[in-house]
């Protein structure tokens, strides 16, 4: 019996978050086919992922970067804050250096491209649970090239000018939510939403929702 209990304890319990049900189904088939990996929860957006990520019930969260209501990166920040024992992997359609850097800053230990998830995802899950980072080969090449180019120019990778809360509000504004709906989603007052909106407009030197939406697309907070 002891051997059976030990085997059960080594199974990694996974939260899988992606807004496309077909993608979730395909990834779940890959993961559940492995004896040491099992999907115990699914989420269709970042906010659902945060709600489902309970330490002690989930060991690893696999988060799609582009999701409605809250991006995977925003969800990763929140999960890292609330449940620091949960390991995090990011999934993306895009070979994008900015997304990768933001993922690492948000607490993710790996970045997997959806186009090769059938090849890389299992290795990435096991690396994350060993406490090791996972990078696909193209990311390593791009990061080294980018680092060397910035070093030659005497530059550094800039931090975001917006706070995580301001990013959440910009994303929801760009997705067409009203101040009242944003307040309900984030559980803050309408007055606080309006204050954040005013601060963001001032910081970015913008005037209206249209300009904020364009910014959100450029920053990767929403898909065009």
C-alpha atoms as a PDB file:
ATOM      1  CA  UNK A   1       0.000   0.000   0.000  1.00  0.00           C
ATOM      2  CA  UNK A   2       2.817   2.387   0.805  1.00  0.00           C
ATOM      3  CA  UNK A   3       4.181   2.073  -2.732  1.00  0.00           C
ATOM      4  CA  UNK A   4       0.755   2.958  -4.174  1.00  0.00           C
ATOM      5  CA  UNK A   5       0.463   6.039  -1.960  1.00  0.00           C
ATOM      6  CA  UNK A   6       3.978   7.180  -2.938  1.00  0.00           C
ATOM      7  CA  UNK A   7       3.097   6.795  -6.637  1.00  0.00           C
ATOM      8  CA  UNK A   8      -0.076   8.814  -6.126  1.00  0.00           C
ATOM      9  CA  UNK A   9       1.837  11.585  -4.385  1.00  0.00           C
ATOM     10  CA  UNK A  10       4.162  12.004  -7.392  1.00  0.00           C
ATOM     11  CA  UNK A  11       1.291  12.763  -9.801  1.00  0.00           C
ATOM     12  CA  UNK A  12       1.304  16.450 -10.792  1.00  0.00           C
ATOM     13  CA  UNK A  13      -2.165  18.025 -10.528  1.00  0.00           C
ATOM     14  CA  UNK A  14      -2.674  20.528 -13.339  1.00  0.00           C
ATOM     15  CA  UNK A  15      -4.938  23.537 -13.900  1.00  0.00           C
ATOM     16  CA  UNK A  16      -5.392  24.112 -17.651  1.00  0.00           C
ATOM     17  CA  UNK A  17      -6.572  27.567 -18.765  1.00  0.00           C
ATOM     18  CA  UNK A  18      -7.373  28.452 -22.391  1.00  0.00           C
ATOM     19  CA  UNK A  19     -10.393  30.253 -23.827  1.00  0.00           C
ATOM     20  CA  UNK A  20     -10.738  27.727 -26.687  1.00  0.00           C
ATOM     21  CA  UNK A  21     -12.479  24.510 -25.577  1.00  0.00           C
ATOM     22  CA  UNK A  22     -10.966  22.514 -28.471  1.00  0.00           C
ATOM     23  CA  UNK A  23      -7.441  23.564 -27.502  1.00  0.00           C
ATOM     24  CA  UNK A  24      -8.103  22.588 -23.875  1.00  0.00           C
ATOM     25  CA  UNK A  25      -9.445  19.214 -24.979  1.00  0.00           C
ATOM     26  CA  UNK A  26      -6.386  18.506 -27.138  1.00  0.00           C
ATOM     27  CA  UNK A  27      -3.934  19.526 -24.430  1.00  0.00           C
ATOM     28  CA  UNK A  28      -5.830  17.538 -21.829  1.00  0.00           C
ATOM     29  CA  UNK A  29      -5.543  14.398 -23.967  1.00  0.00           C
ATOM     30  CA  UNK A  30      -1.762  14.880 -24.168  1.00  0.00           C
ATOM     31  CA  UNK A  31      -1.418  15.489 -20.426  1.00  0.00           C
ATOM     32  CA  UNK A  32      -3.832  12.859 -19.111  1.00  0.00           C
ATOM     33  CA  UNK A  33      -2.127  10.161 -21.204  1.00  0.00           C
ATOM     34  CA  UNK A  34       0.920  10.462 -18.929  1.00  0.00           C
ATOM     35  CA  UNK A  35       0.955   8.498 -15.636  1.00  0.00           C
ATOM     36  CA  UNK A  36       2.637  11.369 -13.718  1.00  0.00           C
ATOM     37  CA  UNK A  37       0.372  14.185 -14.990  1.00  0.00           C
ATOM     38  CA  UNK A  38      -3.361  14.767 -14.519  1.00  0.00           C
ATOM     39  CA  UNK A  39      -5.638  17.714 -15.295  1.00  0.00           C
ATOM     40  CA  UNK A  40      -7.788  18.382 -12.222  1.00  0.00           C
ATOM     41  CA  UNK A  41      -9.292  21.766 -13.231  1.00  0.00           C
ATOM     42  CA  UNK A  42      -9.994  23.807 -16.367  1.00  0.00           C
ATOM     43  CA  UNK A  43     -10.626  27.526 -16.909  1.00  0.00           C
ATOM     44  CA  UNK A  44     -11.856  29.514 -19.923  1.00  0.00           C
ATOM     45  CA  UNK A  45     -10.318  32.864 -18.926  1.00  0.00           C
ATOM     46  CA  UNK A  46      -7.730  34.362 -16.599  1.00  0.00           C
ATOM     47  CA  UNK A  47     -10.186  35.261 -13.845  1.00  0.00           C
ATOM     48  CA  UNK A  48     -11.525  31.683 -13.754  1.00  0.00           C
ATOM     49  CA  UNK A  49      -7.931  30.415 -13.595  1.00  0.00           C
ATOM     50  CA  UNK A  50      -7.162  32.583 -10.560  1.00  0.00           C
ATOM     51  CA  UNK A  51     -10.327  31.346  -8.815  1.00  0.00           C
ATOM     52  CA  UNK A  52      -9.439  27.700  -9.572  1.00  0.00           C
ATOM     53  CA  UNK A  53      -5.777  27.921  -8.500  1.00  0.00           C
ATOM     54  CA  UNK A  54      -5.902  26.690  -4.923  1.00  0.00           C
ATOM     55  CA  UNK A  55      -2.641  25.707  -3.283  1.00  0.00           C
ATOM     56  CA  UNK A  56      -2.836  22.140  -1.999  1.00  0.00           C
ATOM     57  CA  UNK A  57      -5.254  21.179  -4.807  1.00  0.00           C
ATOM     58  CA  UNK A  58      -3.220  22.294  -7.851  1.00  0.00           C
ATOM     59  CA  UNK A  59       0.546  21.847  -8.347  1.00  0.00           C
ATOM     60  CA  UNK A  60       0.958  23.397 -11.805  1.00  0.00           C
ATOM     61  CA  UNK A  61      -1.023  26.032 -13.743  1.00  0.00           C
ATOM     62  CA  UNK A  62      -0.756  26.076 -17.545  1.00  0.00           C
ATOM     63  CA  UNK A  63      -2.047  29.459 -18.734  1.00  0.00           C
ATOM     64  CA  UNK A  64      -2.720  30.689 -22.268  1.00  0.00           C
ATOM     65  CA  UNK A  65      -1.381  34.232 -22.625  1.00  0.00           C
ATOM     66  CA  UNK A  66      -4.284  35.624 -24.717  1.00  0.00           C
ATOM     67  CA  UNK A  67      -7.511  35.177 -22.729  1.00  0.00           C
ATOM     68  CA  UNK A  68     -10.542  37.430 -22.143  1.00  0.00           C
ATOM     69  CA  UNK A  69     -11.194  39.378 -18.899  1.00  0.00           C
ATOM     70  CA  UNK A  70      -7.662  38.760 -17.607  1.00  0.00           C
ATOM     71  CA  UNK A  71      -4.599  37.740 -19.635  1.00  0.00           C
ATOM     72  CA  UNK A  72      -2.542  34.707 -18.705  1.00  0.00           C
ATOM     73  CA  UNK A  73       0.244  37.028 -17.576  1.00  0.00           C
ATOM     74  CA  UNK A  74      -2.118  38.947 -15.283  1.00  0.00           C
ATOM     75  CA  UNK A  75      -3.476  35.640 -13.948  1.00  0.00           C
ATOM     76  CA  UNK A  76       0.086  34.382 -13.365  1.00  0.00           C
ATOM     77  CA  UNK A  77       0.871  37.481 -11.264  1.00  0.00           C
ATOM     78  CA  UNK A  78      -2.236  36.952  -9.160  1.00  0.00           C
ATOM     79  CA  UNK A  79      -1.654  33.200  -8.727  1.00  0.00           C
ATOM     80  CA  UNK A  80       1.990  33.835  -7.752  1.00  0.00           C
ATOM     81  CA  UNK A  81       0.779  36.300  -5.105  1.00  0.00           C
ATOM     82  CA  UNK A  82      -2.065  34.187  -3.720  1.00  0.00           C
ATOM     83  CA  UNK A  83      -0.575  30.685  -4.074  1.00  0.00           C
ATOM     84  CA  UNK A  84       3.224  30.928  -4.407  1.00  0.00           C
ATOM     85  CA  UNK A  85       3.598  27.135  -4.178  1.00  0.00           C
ATOM     86  CA  UNK A  86       1.894  26.619  -7.567  1.00  0.00           C
ATOM     87  CA  UNK A  87       4.294  26.380 -10.516  1.00  0.00           C
ATOM     88  CA  UNK A  88       3.270  28.224 -13.694  1.00  0.00           C
ATOM     89  CA  UNK A  89       3.785  27.607 -17.426  1.00  0.00           C
ATOM     90  CA  UNK A  90       2.674  30.035 -20.144  1.00  0.00           C
ATOM     91  CA  UNK A  91       1.205  28.905 -23.477  1.00  0.00           C
ATOM     92  CA  UNK A  92       1.318  31.178 -26.513  1.00  0.00           C
ATOM     93  CA  UNK A  93       0.732  31.190 -30.242  1.00  0.00           C
ATOM     94  CA  UNK A  94       3.388  33.879 -30.510  1.00  0.00           C
ATOM     95  CA  UNK A  95       7.185  33.691 -30.492  1.00  0.00           C
ATOM     96  CA  UNK A  96       7.310  37.062 -28.734  1.00  0.00           C
ATOM     97  CA  UNK A  97      10.190  38.296 -26.588  1.00  0.00           C
ATOM     98  CA  UNK A  98       8.110  40.878 -24.692  1.00  0.00           C
ATOM     99  CA  UNK A  99       5.541  38.227 -23.724  1.00  0.00           C
ATOM    100  CA  UNK A 100       8.354  35.959 -22.590  1.00  0.00           C
ATOM    101  CA  UNK A 101       9.999  38.602 -20.379  1.00  0.00           C
ATOM    102  CA  UNK A 102       6.614  39.587 -18.918  1.00  0.00           C
ATOM    103  CA  UNK A 103       5.845  35.907 -18.243  1.00  0.00           C
ATOM    104  CA  UNK A 104       9.060  35.484 -16.261  1.00  0.00           C
ATOM    105  CA  UNK A 105       8.413  38.668 -14.275  1.00  0.00           C
ATOM    106  CA  UNK A 106       4.900  37.391 -13.512  1.00  0.00           C
ATOM    107  CA  UNK A 107       6.309  34.238 -11.937  1.00  0.00           C
ATOM    108  CA  UNK A 108       6.192  31.706 -14.799  1.00  0.00           C
ATOM    109  CA  UNK A 109       8.971  29.137 -15.044  1.00  0.00           C
ATOM    110  CA  UNK A 110       8.431  28.279 -18.699  1.00  0.00           C
ATOM    111  CA  UNK A 111       7.029  29.446 -22.041  1.00  0.00           C
ATOM    112  CA  UNK A 112       5.641  26.897 -24.525  1.00  0.00           C
ATOM    113  CA  UNK A 113       4.558  27.602 -28.104  1.00  0.00           C
ATOM    114  CA  UNK A 114       1.169  26.090 -28.971  1.00  0.00           C
ATOM    115  CA  UNK A 115       2.447  25.063 -32.403  1.00  0.00           C
ATOM    116  CA  UNK A 116       4.827  22.555 -30.783  1.00  0.00           C
ATOM    117  CA  UNK A 117       2.932  21.859 -27.543  1.00  0.00           C
ATOM    118  CA  UNK A 118       2.591  18.183 -28.461  1.00  0.00           C
ATOM    119  CA  UNK A 119       6.400  18.004 -28.450  1.00  0.00           C
ATOM    120  CA  UNK A 120       7.380  20.432 -25.675  1.00  0.00           C
ATOM    121  CA  UNK A 121       4.543  20.567 -23.147  1.00  0.00           C
ATOM    122  CA  UNK A 122       5.303  17.330 -21.278  1.00  0.00           C
ATOM    123  CA  UNK A 123       8.984  18.220 -20.916  1.00  0.00           C
ATOM    124  CA  UNK A 124       8.045  21.730 -19.766  1.00  0.00           C
ATOM    125  CA  UNK A 125       5.649  20.378 -17.103  1.00  0.00           C
ATOM    126  CA  UNK A 126       8.284  18.065 -15.667  1.00  0.00           C
ATOM    127  CA  UNK A 127      10.974  20.773 -15.762  1.00  0.00           C
ATOM    128  CA  UNK A 128       8.657  23.174 -13.897  1.00  0.00           C
ATOM    129  CA  UNK A 129       7.984  20.609 -11.181  1.00  0.00           C
ATOM    130  CA  UNK A 130      11.755  20.057 -10.798  1.00  0.00           C
ATOM    131  CA  UNK A 131      12.126  23.807 -10.284  1.00  0.00           C
ATOM    132  CA  UNK A 132      13.893  24.273 -13.634  1.00  0.00           C
ATOM    133  CA  UNK A 133      13.067  26.859 -16.327  1.00  0.00           C
ATOM    134  CA  UNK A 134      11.840  25.729 -19.752  1.00  0.00           C
ATOM    135  CA  UNK A 135      12.704  27.661 -22.916  1.00  0.00           C
ATOM    136  CA  UNK A 136      12.011  26.550 -26.457  1.00  0.00           C
ATOM    137  CA  UNK A 137      15.143  26.838 -28.671  1.00  0.00           C
ATOM    138  CA  UNK A 138      13.900  29.843 -30.660  1.00  0.00           C
ATOM    139  CA  UNK A 139      13.355  31.830 -27.451  1.00  0.00           C
ATOM    140  CA  UNK A 140      16.930  31.232 -26.321  1.00  0.00           C
ATOM    141  CA  UNK A 141      18.307  32.453 -29.665  1.00  0.00           C
ATOM    142  CA  UNK A 142      16.010  35.492 -29.731  1.00  0.00           C
ATOM    143  CA  UNK A 143      16.780  36.456 -26.133  1.00  0.00           C
ATOM    144  CA  UNK A 144      20.543  36.255 -26.659  1.00  0.00           C
ATOM    145  CA  UNK A 145      20.296  38.269 -29.879  1.00  0.00           C
ATOM    146  CA  UNK A 146      18.074  40.866 -28.217  1.00  0.00           C
ATOM    147  CA  UNK A 147      20.314  41.097 -25.137  1.00  0.00           C
ATOM    148  CA  UNK A 148      23.453  41.631 -27.235  1.00  0.00           C
ATOM    149  CA  UNK A 149      21.753  44.256 -29.410  1.00  0.00           C
ATOM    150  CA  UNK A 150      20.515  46.176 -26.351  1.00  0.00           C
ATOM    151  CA  UNK A 151      23.914  45.923 -24.669  1.00  0.00           C
ATOM    152  CA  UNK A 152      25.609  47.387 -27.762  1.00  0.00           C
ATOM    153  CA  UNK A 153      23.174  50.301 -27.690  1.00  0.00           C
ATOM    154  CA  UNK A 154      23.592  50.755 -23.931  1.00  0.00           C
ATOM    155  CA  UNK A 155      19.885  50.040 -23.374  1.00  0.00           C
ATOM    156  CA  UNK A 156      18.032  47.936 -20.832  1.00  0.00           C
ATOM    157  CA  UNK A 157      14.669  46.157 -21.001  1.00  0.00           C
ATOM    158  CA  UNK A 158      12.148  48.741 -19.716  1.00  0.00           C
ATOM    159  CA  UNK A 159       9.546  47.882 -17.083  1.00  0.00           C
ATOM    160  CA  UNK A 160       5.891  48.539 -17.869  1.00  0.00           C
ATOM    161  CA  UNK A 161       4.786  52.101 -17.119  1.00  0.00           C
ATOM    162  CA  UNK A 162       1.457  50.828 -15.763  1.00  0.00           C
ATOM    163  CA  UNK A 163       0.819  48.995 -12.511  1.00  0.00           C
ATOM    164  CA  UNK A 164      -0.759  45.508 -12.701  1.00  0.00           C
ATOM    165  CA  UNK A 165      -4.106  46.952 -11.532  1.00  0.00           C
ATOM    166  CA  UNK A 166      -3.978  49.669 -14.212  1.00  0.00           C
ATOM    167  CA  UNK A 167      -3.249  47.000 -16.851  1.00  0.00           C
ATOM    168  CA  UNK A 168      -6.312  45.037 -15.685  1.00  0.00           C
ATOM    169  CA  UNK A 169      -8.494  48.118 -16.079  1.00  0.00           C
ATOM    170  CA  UNK A 170      -7.065  49.044 -19.508  1.00  0.00           C
ATOM    171  CA  UNK A 171      -7.729  45.483 -20.721  1.00  0.00           C
ATOM    172  CA  UNK A 172     -11.353  45.578 -19.572  1.00  0.00           C
ATOM    173  CA  UNK A 173     -11.903  49.063 -21.049  1.00  0.00           C
ATOM    174  CA  UNK A 174     -10.498  47.825 -24.381  1.00  0.00           C
ATOM    175  CA  UNK A 175     -12.863  44.833 -24.241  1.00  0.00           C
ATOM    176  CA  UNK A 176     -15.848  47.203 -23.981  1.00  0.00           C
ATOM    177  CA  UNK A 177     -16.681  46.897 -20.289  1.00  0.00           C
ATOM    178  CA  UNK A 178     -18.367  49.883 -18.592  1.00  0.00           C
ATOM    179  CA  UNK A 179     -16.980  51.408 -15.376  1.00  0.00           C
ATOM    180  CA  UNK A 180     -19.791  49.681 -13.428  1.00  0.00           C
ATOM    181  CA  UNK A 181     -18.971  46.277 -15.007  1.00  0.00           C
ATOM    182  CA  UNK A 182     -15.244  46.754 -14.344  1.00  0.00           C
ATOM    183  CA  UNK A 183     -15.977  47.652 -10.715  1.00  0.00           C
ATOM    184  CA  UNK A 184     -18.056  44.470 -10.317  1.00  0.00           C
ATOM    185  CA  UNK A 185     -15.435  42.270 -12.038  1.00  0.00           C
ATOM    186  CA  UNK A 186     -12.523  43.587  -9.937  1.00  0.00           C
ATOM    187  CA  UNK A 187     -14.621  44.075  -6.775  1.00  0.00           C
ATOM    188  CA  UNK A 188     -13.722  47.742  -6.398  1.00  0.00           C
ATOM    189  CA  UNK A 189     -15.833  50.921  -6.467  1.00  0.00           C
ATOM    190  CA  UNK A 190     -16.812  52.768  -9.655  1.00  0.00           C
ATOM    191  CA  UNK A 191     -15.025  55.822  -8.240  1.00  0.00           C
ATOM    192  CA  UNK A 192     -11.792  53.793  -7.946  1.00  0.00           C
ATOM    193  CA  UNK A 193     -12.170  52.579 -11.549  1.00  0.00           C
ATOM    194  CA  UNK A 194     -12.617  56.159 -12.769  1.00  0.00           C
ATOM    195  CA  UNK A 195      -9.600  57.310 -10.768  1.00  0.00           C
ATOM    196  CA  UNK A 196      -7.442  54.541 -12.279  1.00  0.00           C
ATOM    197  CA  UNK A 197      -8.720  55.409 -15.776  1.00  0.00           C
ATOM    198  CA  UNK A 198      -7.776  59.071 -15.272  1.00  0.00           C
ATOM    199  CA  UNK A 199      -4.308  58.105 -13.981  1.00  0.00           C
ATOM    200  CA  UNK A 200      -3.720  55.799 -16.963  1.00  0.00           C
ATOM    201  CA  UNK A 201      -4.786  58.450 -19.488  1.00  0.00           C
ATOM    202  CA  UNK A 202      -2.457  60.967 -17.806  1.00  0.00           C
ATOM    203  CA  UNK A 203       0.488  58.523 -17.701  1.00  0.00           C
ATOM    204  CA  UNK A 204       0.107  57.527 -21.347  1.00  0.00           C
ATOM    205  CA  UNK A 205      -0.777  61.001 -22.605  1.00  0.00           C
ATOM    206  CA  UNK A 206      -4.048  59.721 -24.107  1.00  0.00           C
ATOM    207  CA  UNK A 207      -7.566  61.126 -24.276  1.00  0.00           C
ATOM    208  CA  UNK A 208     -10.173  58.406 -24.783  1.00  0.00           C
ATOM    209  CA  UNK A 209     -11.195  54.731 -24.960  1.00  0.00           C
ATOM    210  CA  UNK A 210     -10.107  54.387 -28.607  1.00  0.00           C
ATOM    211  CA  UNK A 211      -6.515  55.386 -27.833  1.00  0.00           C
ATOM    212  CA  UNK A 212      -6.512  53.090 -24.766  1.00  0.00           C
ATOM    213  CA  UNK A 213      -7.741  50.210 -26.940  1.00  0.00           C
ATOM    214  CA  UNK A 214      -4.926  50.772 -29.440  1.00  0.00           C
ATOM    215  CA  UNK A 215      -2.441  50.799 -26.563  1.00  0.00           C
ATOM    216  CA  UNK A 216      -3.914  47.548 -25.151  1.00  0.00           C
ATOM    217  CA  UNK A 217      -3.427  45.828 -28.530  1.00  0.00           C
ATOM    218  CA  UNK A 218       0.184  47.050 -28.846  1.00  0.00           C
ATOM    219  CA  UNK A 219       0.948  45.952 -25.257  1.00  0.00           C
ATOM    220  CA  UNK A 220      -0.486  42.474 -25.854  1.00  0.00           C
ATOM    221  CA  UNK A 221      -3.315  42.911 -23.337  1.00  0.00           C
ATOM    222  CA  UNK A 222      -5.956  42.116 -25.983  1.00  0.00           C
ATOM    223  CA  UNK A 223      -5.846  40.535 -29.417  1.00  0.00           C
ATOM    224  CA  UNK A 224      -6.626  42.772 -32.421  1.00  0.00           C
END
